[in-house]
Amino acid sequence: MNQYYTGEEVAAMLHVSERRVAQWRQKGILKSIRTGKGFIYREDWIEAMTTEFEGEDLSNEDGIDLAINLRKIKSAPVRQDIRARRSS
């Protein structure tokens, strides 16, 4: 059974500000559920985010954007260089 946490609880758990948790949510790296005026976060979503972004600097917006872009590059299909294929 999953435990649910408020943004304040997530912030305390991860030693960051509530604003940082909100940035992660807005950038799509931390899943959430809207509840009236706020958001809640499932324990497994928090664990998935911390595991996926382990070692990344998520302490500011530039670091968050860089981490997201690195994920996109790593997951993009690899294309062979057309010139290399033509020369073989």
C-alpha atoms as a PDB file:
ATOM      1  CA  MET A   1       0.000   0.000   0.000  1.00  0.00           C
ATOM      2  CA  ASN A   2       1.379   3.391  -0.976  1.00  0.00           C
ATOM      3  CA  GLN A   3       1.929   6.187   1.477  1.00  0.00           C
ATOM      4  CA  TYR A   4       1.016   9.712   0.345  1.00  0.00           C
ATOM      5  CA  TYR A   5       2.881  12.877   1.335  1.00  0.00           C
ATOM      6  CA  THR A   6       2.225  16.595   1.071  1.00  0.00           C
ATOM      7  CA  GLY A   7       4.696  18.924  -0.619  1.00  0.00           C
ATOM      8  CA  GLU A   8       5.821  20.093   2.806  1.00  0.00           C
ATOM      9  CA  GLU A   9       6.518  16.516   3.903  1.00  0.00           C
ATOM     10  CA  VAL A  10       8.403  15.717   0.678  1.00  0.00           C
ATOM     11  CA  ALA A  11      10.486  18.860   1.103  1.00  0.00           C
ATOM     12  CA  ALA A  12      11.398  17.895   4.666  1.00  0.00           C
ATOM     13  CA  MET A  13      12.137  14.301   3.639  1.00  0.00           C
ATOM     14  CA  LEU A  14      14.487  15.363   0.824  1.00  0.00           C
ATOM     15  CA  HIS A  15      15.956  18.397   2.636  1.00  0.00           C
ATOM     16  CA  VAL A  16      14.808  20.910   0.015  1.00  0.00           C
ATOM     17  CA  SER A  17      12.333  23.779  -0.056  1.00  0.00           C
ATOM     18  CA  GLU A  18       8.668  23.375  -0.927  1.00  0.00           C
ATOM     19  CA  ARG A  19       9.366  25.613  -3.929  1.00  0.00           C
ATOM     20  CA  ARG A  20      11.914  23.085  -5.215  1.00  0.00           C
ATOM     21  CA  VAL A  21       9.353  20.273  -4.903  1.00  0.00           C
ATOM     22  CA  ALA A  22       6.896  22.445  -6.860  1.00  0.00           C
ATOM     23  CA  GLN A  23       9.527  23.010  -9.577  1.00  0.00           C
ATOM     24  CA  TRP A  24      10.097  19.265  -9.876  1.00  0.00           C
ATOM     25  CA  ARG A  25       6.332  18.761 -10.194  1.00  0.00           C
ATOM     26  CA  GLN A  26       5.969  21.539 -12.783  1.00  0.00           C
ATOM     27  CA  LYS A  27       8.887  20.189 -14.843  1.00  0.00           C
ATOM     28  CA  GLY A  28       7.331  16.711 -14.793  1.00  0.00           C
ATOM     29  CA  ILE A  29      10.071  14.857 -12.952  1.00  0.00           C
ATOM     30  CA  LEU A  30       7.965  14.241  -9.843  1.00  0.00           C
ATOM     31  CA  LYS A  31       4.469  12.862 -10.338  1.00  0.00           C
ATOM     32  CA  SER A  32       1.674  14.232  -8.198  1.00  0.00           C
ATOM     33  CA  ILE A  33      -2.066  14.194  -7.635  1.00  0.00           C
ATOM     34  CA  ARG A  34      -4.013  17.447  -7.403  1.00  0.00           C
ATOM     35  CA  THR A  35      -6.114  17.613  -4.233  1.00  0.00           C
ATOM     36  CA  GLY A  36      -8.224  20.728  -3.969  1.00  0.00           C
ATOM     37  CA  LYS A  37      -5.715  23.543  -3.506  1.00  0.00           C
ATOM     38  CA  GLY A  38      -2.618  21.383  -3.145  1.00  0.00           C
ATOM     39  CA  PHE A  39      -0.819  18.293  -4.357  1.00  0.00           C
ATOM     40  CA  ILE A  40       0.110  14.958  -2.837  1.00  0.00           C
ATOM     41  CA  TYR A  41       2.931  12.645  -3.809  1.00  0.00           C
ATOM     42  CA  ARG A  42       3.020   8.862  -3.634  1.00  0.00           C
ATOM     43  CA  GLU A  43       5.968   7.256  -1.902  1.00  0.00           C
ATOM     44  CA  ASP A  44       6.870   5.129  -4.943  1.00  0.00           C
ATOM     45  CA  TRP A  45       6.866   8.242  -7.184  1.00  0.00           C
ATOM     46  CA  ILE A  46       9.284   9.974  -4.824  1.00  0.00           C
ATOM     47  CA  GLU A  47      11.539   6.899  -4.776  1.00  0.00           C
ATOM     48  CA  ALA A  48      11.422   6.625  -8.589  1.00  0.00           C
ATOM     49  CA  MET A  49      12.410  10.275  -9.020  1.00  0.00           C
ATOM     50  CA  THR A  50      15.267  10.085  -6.523  1.00  0.00           C
ATOM     51  CA  THR A  51      16.555   6.875  -8.115  1.00  0.00           C
ATOM     52  CA  GLU A  52      16.286   8.119 -11.709  1.00  0.00           C
ATOM     53  CA  PHE A  53      17.957  11.449 -10.979  1.00  0.00           C
ATOM     54  CA  GLU A  54      20.513  10.213  -8.429  1.00  0.00           C
ATOM     55  CA  GLY A  55      23.732  12.181  -8.741  1.00  0.00           C
ATOM     56  CA  GLU A  56      22.091  14.974 -10.757  1.00  0.00           C
ATOM     57  CA  ASP A  57      22.033  18.566  -9.536  1.00  0.00           C
ATOM     58  CA  LEU A  58      18.324  19.342  -9.146  1.00  0.00           C
ATOM     59  CA  SER A  59      18.939  22.294  -6.848  1.00  0.00           C
ATOM     60  CA  ASN A  60      18.125  24.965  -9.426  1.00  0.00           C
ATOM     61  CA  GLU A  61      16.134  25.371 -12.622  1.00  0.00           C
ATOM     62  CA  ASP A  62      19.178  25.088 -14.902  1.00  0.00           C
ATOM     63  CA  GLY A  63      20.217  21.814 -13.267  1.00  0.00           C
ATOM     64  CA  ILE A  64      16.685  20.459 -13.573  1.00  0.00           C
ATOM     65  CA  ASP A  65      16.519  21.382 -17.271  1.00  0.00           C
ATOM     66  CA  LEU A  66      19.943  19.838 -17.899  1.00  0.00           C
ATOM     67  CA  ALA A  67      18.951  16.579 -16.199  1.00  0.00           C
ATOM     68  CA  ILE A  68      15.730  16.411 -18.235  1.00  0.00           C
ATOM     69  CA  ASN A  69      17.576  17.105 -21.502  1.00  0.00           C
ATOM     70  CA  LEU A  70      20.184  14.451 -20.717  1.00  0.00           C
ATOM     71  CA  ARG A  71      17.369  11.915 -20.266  1.00  0.00           C
ATOM     72  CA  LYS A  72      15.942  12.901 -23.652  1.00  0.00           C
ATOM     73  CA  ILE A  73      19.327  12.496 -25.354  1.00  0.00           C
ATOM     74  CA  LYS A  74      19.966   9.125 -23.721  1.00  0.00           C
ATOM     75  CA  SER A  75      16.541   7.803 -24.736  1.00  0.00           C
ATOM     76  CA  ALA A  76      16.657   9.127 -28.322  1.00  0.00           C
ATOM     77  CA  PRO A  77      17.126   6.494 -31.016  1.00  0.00           C
ATOM     78  CA  VAL A  78      20.659   6.232 -32.302  1.00  0.00           C
ATOM     79  CA  ARG A  79      21.018   7.259 -35.931  1.00  0.00           C
ATOM     80  CA  GLN A  80      23.912   6.163 -38.037  1.00  0.00           C
ATOM     81  CA  ASP A  81      25.867   8.835 -39.808  1.00  0.00           C
ATOM     82  CA  ILE A  82      24.713   8.816 -43.431  1.00  0.00           C
ATOM     83  CA  ARG A  83      28.210   9.530 -44.743  1.00  0.00           C
ATOM     84  CA  ALA A  84      29.600   6.532 -42.878  1.00  0.00           C
ATOM     85  CA  ARG A  85      26.968   4.246 -44.410  1.00  0.00           C
ATOM     86  CA  ARG A  86      27.627   5.547 -47.915  1.00  0.00           C
ATOM     87  CA  SER A  87      31.373   4.972 -47.707  1.00  0.00           C
ATOM     88  CA  SER A  88      31.036   1.316 -46.770  1.00  0.00           C
END
